[in-house]
Every structure is written in C-alpha cells, then in structure tokens.
Amino acid sequence: MKENAMRSTLIAAGLIGAGLVSYPFMAAAEDHEAGVPLTPAEAAGAWTVESGGHNICVLTLSGQKSGSGYGVKAGSCGDTIQGNPVAWQPTHDGMQLVGADGQAIIAFNRWSNSLFVSHRSSGVDIQLKRGAPGT
C-alpha cells in the first residue's frame, strides 16, 4: 500500500517536471513567424540594431507608407548600417531597409516574431530585435 502511494507520488512528480521542462519548447513552437515577411501592422515601434553582443542604435519602424516602402526613423548606426535608411520594405522572408534611391541598404531574414538577422560576409551578424534597449 505504502509502495503504491510512493509510486503514484513519483509518477506525478515526474509528469509535473516533464511539463515544466517542456513548457519553453511548447511556447517556442507557437512562433510560426520564421521566414515570413514582416507586415506593416506588426512592424510599428522601436527595434534595436545589435552586432557582436552590443546595442548599436534604435530604429523606429512605421506602418505608414513612405516613398518606396514604409516609414523608418534611424538613430546613428555608424558603420553597422551603411547609408541612411529612409524606408523599410517587406521581403519574402523578412524585411529590408532602403535608401533614398530606393535601393536596399541591408536585408534581414526573419527568425522569430521579434528577431531578424542579417548575415554579413565578415562573419559578424547584425540583429534587429523588437524593442528599445532596456524595454
């Protein structure tokens, strides 16, 4: 009798533990946005440009049409983003920033709801993360 109670307790503890361990994976499985174009409605707001583990600058994306795409306000991104982006455009697998001439400055592949990555030939990726630093 005592053995059955102990067995039931161990089984229950194991099931609870398995549920706690698998919860982050179940939550991640709900993110079906990898490789999907960014829509204007979900783009609106602040995005942090990061490279090498350092925050570089903040971009504010808009869902409002502007020139050849949608509005963007760019902070000083230094050499990380060449040129001055004046708009952003959805692409088949993410988004890109465009200059005044309508040409792409940098393209980002969508990895999740809140993370876009641009693979650079230097080997140092540039990430675009939803939100400003510290938010």
N, C-alpha and C. Protein backbone atom coordinates (compact mmCIF):
# COMPACT_ATOMS: atom_id res chain seq x y z
N MET A 1 0.82 -1.18 0.00
CA MET A 1 0.00 0.00 0.00
C MET A 1 0.87 1.26 0.00
N LYS A 2 1.84 1.30 0.93
CA LYS A 2 2.73 2.44 1.02
C LYS A 2 3.56 2.56 -0.26
N GLU A 3 3.92 1.40 -0.83
CA GLU A 3 4.71 1.38 -2.07
C GLU A 3 3.92 1.97 -3.23
N ASN A 4 2.62 1.67 -3.34
CA ASN A 4 1.77 2.23 -4.39
C ASN A 4 1.63 3.74 -4.25
N ALA A 5 1.50 4.22 -3.01
CA ALA A 5 1.39 5.67 -2.78
C ALA A 5 2.68 6.36 -3.20
N MET A 6 3.81 5.74 -2.86
CA MET A 6 5.11 6.31 -3.22
C MET A 6 5.28 6.32 -4.74
N ARG A 7 4.87 5.24 -5.40
CA ARG A 7 4.97 5.15 -6.85
C ARG A 7 4.11 6.24 -7.51
N SER A 8 2.89 6.42 -7.02
CA SER A 8 1.98 7.44 -7.56
C SER A 8 2.57 8.84 -7.39
N THR A 9 3.18 9.08 -6.23
CA THR A 9 3.80 10.38 -5.97
C THR A 9 4.97 10.62 -6.93
N LEU A 10 5.79 9.60 -7.14
CA LEU A 10 6.92 9.73 -8.06
C LEU A 10 6.46 9.96 -9.50
N ILE A 11 5.42 9.26 -9.91
CA ILE A 11 4.89 9.44 -11.26
C ILE A 11 4.35 10.85 -11.43
N ALA A 12 3.60 11.33 -10.44
CA ALA A 12 3.04 12.69 -10.51
C ALA A 12 4.16 13.72 -10.56
N ALA A 13 5.19 13.54 -9.74
CA ALA A 13 6.31 14.48 -9.73
C ALA A 13 7.03 14.46 -11.09
N GLY A 14 7.18 13.28 -11.66
CA GLY A 14 7.82 13.17 -12.97
C GLY A 14 7.03 13.86 -14.06
N LEU A 15 5.71 13.71 -14.04
CA LEU A 15 4.86 14.37 -15.04
C LEU A 15 4.90 15.88 -14.90
N ILE A 16 4.88 16.36 -13.66
CA ILE A 16 4.96 17.81 -13.44
C ILE A 16 6.32 18.32 -13.92
N GLY A 17 7.38 17.62 -13.58
CA GLY A 17 8.72 18.02 -14.01
C GLY A 17 8.84 18.03 -15.53
N ALA A 18 8.29 17.02 -16.18
CA ALA A 18 8.35 16.96 -17.64
C ALA A 18 7.59 18.12 -18.25
N GLY A 19 6.47 18.48 -17.64
CA GLY A 19 5.70 19.62 -18.14
C GLY A 19 6.46 20.92 -18.00
N LEU A 20 7.13 21.11 -16.86
CA LEU A 20 7.89 22.34 -16.65
C LEU A 20 9.08 22.44 -17.60
N VAL A 21 9.74 21.31 -17.84
CA VAL A 21 10.89 21.30 -18.74
C VAL A 21 10.46 21.56 -20.18
N SER A 22 9.33 21.02 -20.59
CA SER A 22 8.91 21.15 -21.99
C SER A 22 8.17 22.45 -22.28
N TYR A 23 7.75 23.21 -21.25
CA TYR A 23 6.97 24.43 -21.48
C TYR A 23 7.68 25.43 -22.40
N PRO A 24 8.98 25.75 -22.18
CA PRO A 24 9.62 26.71 -23.08
C PRO A 24 9.61 26.25 -24.54
N PHE A 25 9.73 24.94 -24.75
CA PHE A 25 9.73 24.43 -26.12
C PHE A 25 8.35 24.52 -26.74
N MET A 26 7.32 24.31 -25.93
CA MET A 26 5.96 24.44 -26.44
C MET A 26 5.67 25.90 -26.78
N ALA A 27 6.15 26.83 -25.95
CA ALA A 27 5.93 28.25 -26.23
C ALA A 27 6.66 28.64 -27.51
N ALA A 28 7.89 28.15 -27.69
CA ALA A 28 8.64 28.48 -28.90
C ALA A 28 7.98 27.89 -30.13
N ALA A 29 7.33 26.75 -29.97
CA ALA A 29 6.69 26.11 -31.12
C ALA A 29 5.53 26.94 -31.65
N GLU A 30 4.98 27.84 -30.82
CA GLU A 30 3.88 28.69 -31.24
C GLU A 30 4.35 29.84 -32.13
N ASP A 31 5.64 30.07 -32.20
CA ASP A 31 6.19 31.14 -33.02
C ASP A 31 6.39 30.60 -34.43
N HIS A 32 5.42 30.85 -35.29
CA HIS A 32 5.45 30.35 -36.66
C HIS A 32 5.89 31.44 -37.64
N GLU A 33 6.65 32.41 -37.18
CA GLU A 33 6.96 33.57 -38.00
C GLU A 33 8.31 33.49 -38.72
N ALA A 34 9.14 32.51 -38.42
CA ALA A 34 10.44 32.42 -39.07
C ALA A 34 10.26 32.32 -40.58
N GLY A 35 10.99 33.15 -41.32
CA GLY A 35 10.93 33.13 -42.78
C GLY A 35 9.70 33.78 -43.38
N VAL A 36 8.92 34.49 -42.56
CA VAL A 36 7.68 35.12 -43.02
C VAL A 36 7.91 36.62 -43.16
N PRO A 37 7.35 37.26 -44.19
CA PRO A 37 7.52 38.72 -44.33
C PRO A 37 6.97 39.47 -43.12
N LEU A 38 7.62 40.57 -42.79
CA LEU A 38 7.15 41.47 -41.74
C LEU A 38 6.02 42.30 -42.30
N THR A 39 4.90 42.37 -41.59
CA THR A 39 3.78 43.18 -42.06
C THR A 39 3.87 44.57 -41.44
N PRO A 40 3.32 45.58 -42.11
CA PRO A 40 3.36 46.94 -41.57
C PRO A 40 2.74 47.04 -40.17
N ALA A 41 1.66 46.34 -39.94
CA ALA A 41 0.98 46.43 -38.64
C ALA A 41 1.86 45.91 -37.50
N GLU A 42 2.58 44.82 -37.73
CA GLU A 42 3.41 44.27 -36.67
C GLU A 42 4.77 44.93 -36.57
N ALA A 43 5.16 45.72 -37.56
CA ALA A 43 6.46 46.37 -37.56
C ALA A 43 6.52 47.60 -36.68
N ALA A 44 5.40 48.27 -36.53
CA ALA A 44 5.37 49.58 -35.86
C ALA A 44 6.00 49.53 -34.48
N GLY A 45 6.95 50.45 -34.27
CA GLY A 45 7.58 50.57 -32.96
C GLY A 45 9.09 50.57 -33.04
N ALA A 46 9.70 50.52 -31.87
CA ALA A 46 11.16 50.57 -31.77
C ALA A 46 11.78 49.19 -31.97
N TRP A 47 12.93 49.18 -32.66
CA TRP A 47 13.71 47.97 -32.90
C TRP A 47 15.17 48.31 -32.63
N THR A 48 15.88 47.44 -31.94
CA THR A 48 17.28 47.67 -31.63
C THR A 48 18.17 46.92 -32.61
N VAL A 49 19.14 47.64 -33.18
CA VAL A 49 20.16 47.03 -34.04
C VAL A 49 21.30 46.61 -33.11
N GLU A 50 21.69 45.33 -33.22
CA GLU A 50 22.73 44.79 -32.35
C GLU A 50 23.75 44.04 -33.20
N SER A 51 25.01 44.13 -32.81
CA SER A 51 26.06 43.38 -33.50
C SER A 51 27.15 43.04 -32.49
N GLY A 52 27.61 41.82 -32.54
CA GLY A 52 28.67 41.39 -31.64
C GLY A 52 28.28 41.50 -30.17
N GLY A 53 26.99 41.39 -29.87
CA GLY A 53 26.53 41.47 -28.50
C GLY A 53 26.38 42.88 -27.97
N HIS A 54 26.52 43.88 -28.84
CA HIS A 54 26.42 45.28 -28.42
C HIS A 54 25.25 45.96 -29.13
N ASN A 55 24.50 46.76 -28.36
CA ASN A 55 23.44 47.57 -28.96
C ASN A 55 24.10 48.70 -29.74
N ILE A 56 23.70 48.85 -31.00
CA ILE A 56 24.30 49.85 -31.88
C ILE A 56 23.43 51.09 -31.99
N CYS A 57 22.16 50.89 -32.28
CA CYS A 57 21.25 52.02 -32.46
C CYS A 57 19.81 51.51 -32.39
N VAL A 58 18.88 52.44 -32.42
CA VAL A 58 17.46 52.10 -32.40
C VAL A 58 16.82 52.62 -33.68
N LEU A 59 16.04 51.76 -34.33
CA LEU A 59 15.23 52.15 -35.48
C LEU A 59 13.78 52.18 -35.03
N THR A 60 13.03 53.16 -35.50
CA THR A 60 11.60 53.19 -35.24
C THR A 60 10.89 52.95 -36.56
N LEU A 61 10.24 51.79 -36.67
CA LEU A 61 9.54 51.44 -37.90
C LEU A 61 8.09 51.88 -37.81
N SER A 62 7.55 52.27 -38.94
CA SER A 62 6.17 52.72 -39.03
C SER A 62 5.39 51.82 -39.97
N GLY A 63 4.10 51.77 -39.78
CA GLY A 63 3.22 51.04 -40.68
C GLY A 63 2.64 51.94 -41.76
N GLN A 64 3.06 53.21 -41.78
CA GLN A 64 2.55 54.18 -42.75
C GLN A 64 3.43 54.19 -44.00
N LYS A 65 2.79 54.23 -45.17
CA LYS A 65 3.53 54.28 -46.44
C LYS A 65 4.44 55.50 -46.45
N SER A 66 5.63 55.31 -47.00
CA SER A 66 6.60 56.39 -47.12
C SER A 66 7.51 56.07 -48.30
N GLY A 67 7.42 56.85 -49.36
CA GLY A 67 8.26 56.62 -50.54
C GLY A 67 8.07 55.23 -51.10
N SER A 68 9.18 54.49 -51.19
CA SER A 68 9.14 53.16 -51.79
C SER A 68 8.82 52.05 -50.79
N GLY A 69 8.37 52.42 -49.60
CA GLY A 69 8.06 51.40 -48.60
C GLY A 69 7.25 51.98 -47.48
N TYR A 70 7.73 51.77 -46.26
CA TYR A 70 7.07 52.25 -45.05
C TYR A 70 8.09 53.06 -44.25
N GLY A 71 7.59 53.95 -43.41
CA GLY A 71 8.44 54.88 -42.69
C GLY A 71 9.42 54.23 -41.74
N VAL A 72 10.59 54.87 -41.61
CA VAL A 72 11.60 54.46 -40.64
C VAL A 72 12.34 55.71 -40.16
N LYS A 73 12.58 55.76 -38.85
CA LYS A 73 13.43 56.79 -38.26
C LYS A 73 14.63 56.05 -37.70
N ALA A 74 15.80 56.42 -38.18
CA ALA A 74 17.02 55.71 -37.77
C ALA A 74 17.87 56.60 -36.88
N GLY A 75 18.34 56.02 -35.78
CA GLY A 75 19.32 56.69 -34.96
C GLY A 75 20.67 56.58 -35.64
N SER A 76 21.70 57.04 -35.00
CA SER A 76 23.04 56.95 -35.58
C SER A 76 23.56 55.52 -35.43
N CYS A 77 23.59 54.81 -36.55
CA CYS A 77 24.02 53.41 -36.53
C CYS A 77 25.48 53.25 -36.95
N GLY A 78 26.17 54.36 -37.16
CA GLY A 78 27.58 54.30 -37.52
C GLY A 78 27.81 53.49 -38.79
N ASP A 79 28.84 52.67 -38.78
CA ASP A 79 29.19 51.86 -39.95
C ASP A 79 28.40 50.55 -40.01
N THR A 80 27.62 50.26 -38.98
CA THR A 80 26.88 48.99 -38.94
C THR A 80 25.87 48.91 -40.07
N ILE A 81 25.15 50.00 -40.30
CA ILE A 81 24.22 50.08 -41.42
C ILE A 81 24.73 51.16 -42.35
N GLN A 82 25.23 50.75 -43.49
CA GLN A 82 25.78 51.69 -44.47
C GLN A 82 24.67 52.52 -45.08
N GLY A 83 24.86 53.82 -45.15
CA GLY A 83 23.84 54.68 -45.74
C GLY A 83 22.80 55.09 -44.72
N ASN A 84 21.84 55.87 -45.18
CA ASN A 84 20.79 56.39 -44.32
C ASN A 84 19.45 55.81 -44.77
N PRO A 85 18.90 54.86 -44.02
CA PRO A 85 17.61 54.29 -44.43
C PRO A 85 16.50 55.33 -44.34
N VAL A 86 15.69 55.38 -45.39
CA VAL A 86 14.55 56.31 -45.42
C VAL A 86 13.22 55.55 -45.42
N ALA A 87 13.28 54.24 -45.60
CA ALA A 87 12.08 53.41 -45.62
C ALA A 87 12.47 51.96 -45.35
N TRP A 88 11.47 51.16 -45.07
CA TRP A 88 11.67 49.72 -44.98
C TRP A 88 10.63 49.05 -45.86
N GLN A 89 10.95 47.83 -46.32
CA GLN A 89 10.05 47.07 -47.18
C GLN A 89 10.00 45.62 -46.71
N PRO A 90 8.81 45.00 -46.77
CA PRO A 90 8.74 43.56 -46.51
C PRO A 90 9.46 42.82 -47.65
N THR A 91 10.09 41.70 -47.33
CA THR A 91 10.67 40.82 -48.35
C THR A 91 10.01 39.45 -48.18
N HIS A 92 10.33 38.52 -49.06
CA HIS A 92 9.69 37.20 -48.99
C HIS A 92 9.99 36.46 -47.69
N ASP A 93 11.10 36.80 -47.00
CA ASP A 93 11.45 36.09 -45.77
C ASP A 93 11.84 37.02 -44.63
N GLY A 94 11.38 38.27 -44.69
CA GLY A 94 11.72 39.21 -43.62
C GLY A 94 11.45 40.64 -44.01
N MET A 95 12.51 41.45 -43.99
CA MET A 95 12.38 42.86 -44.34
C MET A 95 13.73 43.42 -44.76
N GLN A 96 13.70 44.60 -45.41
CA GLN A 96 14.94 45.28 -45.77
C GLN A 96 14.77 46.77 -45.56
N LEU A 97 15.90 47.42 -45.27
CA LEU A 97 15.94 48.87 -45.18
C LEU A 97 16.39 49.41 -46.52
N VAL A 98 15.78 50.51 -46.97
CA VAL A 98 16.12 51.08 -48.27
C VAL A 98 16.55 52.53 -48.11
N GLY A 99 17.41 52.96 -49.04
CA GLY A 99 17.91 54.33 -49.06
C GLY A 99 17.02 55.22 -49.90
N ALA A 100 17.40 56.49 -50.01
CA ALA A 100 16.63 57.49 -50.76
C ALA A 100 16.49 57.11 -52.23
N ASP A 101 17.45 56.33 -52.76
CA ASP A 101 17.39 55.92 -54.16
C ASP A 101 16.49 54.70 -54.38
N GLY A 102 15.89 54.19 -53.31
CA GLY A 102 15.00 53.03 -53.41
C GLY A 102 15.73 51.70 -53.40
N GLN A 103 17.06 51.73 -53.29
CA GLN A 103 17.86 50.50 -53.28
C GLN A 103 18.01 49.97 -51.86
N ALA A 104 18.08 48.65 -51.75
CA ALA A 104 18.25 48.01 -50.44
C ALA A 104 19.60 48.37 -49.84
N ILE A 105 19.58 48.75 -48.58
CA ILE A 105 20.81 49.02 -47.83
C ILE A 105 21.25 47.75 -47.11
N ILE A 106 20.27 47.08 -46.47
CA ILE A 106 20.54 45.85 -45.73
C ILE A 106 19.24 45.06 -45.64
N ALA A 107 19.35 43.75 -45.80
CA ALA A 107 18.18 42.86 -45.70
C ALA A 107 18.32 41.99 -44.46
N PHE A 108 17.19 41.73 -43.81
CA PHE A 108 17.15 40.90 -42.62
C PHE A 108 16.22 39.71 -42.86
N ASN A 109 16.68 38.51 -42.48
CA ASN A 109 15.85 37.31 -42.52
C ASN A 109 15.14 37.19 -41.18
N ARG A 110 13.88 36.82 -41.24
CA ARG A 110 13.09 36.70 -40.01
C ARG A 110 13.36 35.37 -39.34
N TRP A 111 13.75 35.42 -38.07
CA TRP A 111 14.00 34.22 -37.29
C TRP A 111 12.86 33.93 -36.33
N SER A 112 12.14 34.98 -35.90
CA SER A 112 11.02 34.81 -34.97
C SER A 112 10.15 36.06 -35.02
N ASN A 113 9.18 36.14 -34.11
CA ASN A 113 8.31 37.31 -34.05
C ASN A 113 9.09 38.59 -33.78
N SER A 114 10.18 38.47 -33.05
CA SER A 114 10.88 39.66 -32.59
C SER A 114 12.37 39.68 -32.92
N LEU A 115 12.82 38.82 -33.83
CA LEU A 115 14.24 38.77 -34.17
C LEU A 115 14.43 38.59 -35.67
N PHE A 116 15.22 39.50 -36.24
CA PHE A 116 15.61 39.44 -37.65
C PHE A 116 17.14 39.46 -37.69
N VAL A 117 17.74 38.71 -38.62
CA VAL A 117 19.19 38.60 -38.67
C VAL A 117 19.67 38.84 -40.09
N SER A 118 20.76 39.62 -40.20
CA SER A 118 21.43 39.84 -41.48
C SER A 118 22.81 39.20 -41.38
N HIS A 119 23.05 38.20 -42.20
CA HIS A 119 24.35 37.52 -42.21
C HIS A 119 25.31 38.34 -43.06
N ARG A 120 26.42 38.76 -42.48
CA ARG A 120 27.40 39.59 -43.17
C ARG A 120 28.58 38.73 -43.62
N SER A 121 29.24 39.14 -44.69
CA SER A 121 30.39 38.40 -45.20
C SER A 121 31.55 38.40 -44.20
N SER A 122 31.57 39.36 -43.29
CA SER A 122 32.62 39.43 -42.27
C SER A 122 32.47 38.32 -41.23
N GLY A 123 31.29 37.68 -41.21
CA GLY A 123 31.03 36.65 -40.22
C GLY A 123 30.35 37.17 -38.96
N VAL A 124 30.26 38.50 -38.83
CA VAL A 124 29.58 39.10 -37.68
C VAL A 124 28.17 39.47 -38.11
N ASP A 125 27.19 38.76 -37.58
CA ASP A 125 25.80 39.03 -37.93
C ASP A 125 25.30 40.32 -37.31
N ILE A 126 24.33 40.93 -37.98
CA ILE A 126 23.64 42.10 -37.44
C ILE A 126 22.23 41.65 -37.11
N GLN A 127 21.81 41.92 -35.90
CA GLN A 127 20.48 41.52 -35.46
C GLN A 127 19.58 42.73 -35.30
N LEU A 128 18.33 42.53 -35.60
CA LEU A 128 17.30 43.55 -35.40
C LEU A 128 16.30 42.93 -34.43
N LYS A 129 16.24 43.50 -33.21
CA LYS A 129 15.39 42.94 -32.15
C LYS A 129 14.29 43.92 -31.80
N ARG A 130 13.09 43.39 -31.61
CA ARG A 130 11.95 44.23 -31.24
C ARG A 130 12.21 44.90 -29.89
N GLY A 131 11.91 46.21 -29.83
CA GLY A 131 12.03 46.98 -28.59
C GLY A 131 13.33 47.74 -28.51
N ALA A 132 13.29 48.78 -27.69
CA ALA A 132 14.50 49.56 -27.42
C ALA A 132 15.26 48.88 -26.29
N PRO A 133 16.56 49.14 -26.15
CA PRO A 133 17.32 48.53 -25.06
C PRO A 133 16.67 48.84 -23.71
N GLY A 134 16.62 47.84 -22.86
CA GLY A 134 16.07 48.02 -21.53
C GLY A 134 14.56 47.93 -21.44
N THR A 135 13.88 47.63 -22.58
CA THR A 135 12.42 47.51 -22.52
C THR A 135 12.01 46.07 -22.63
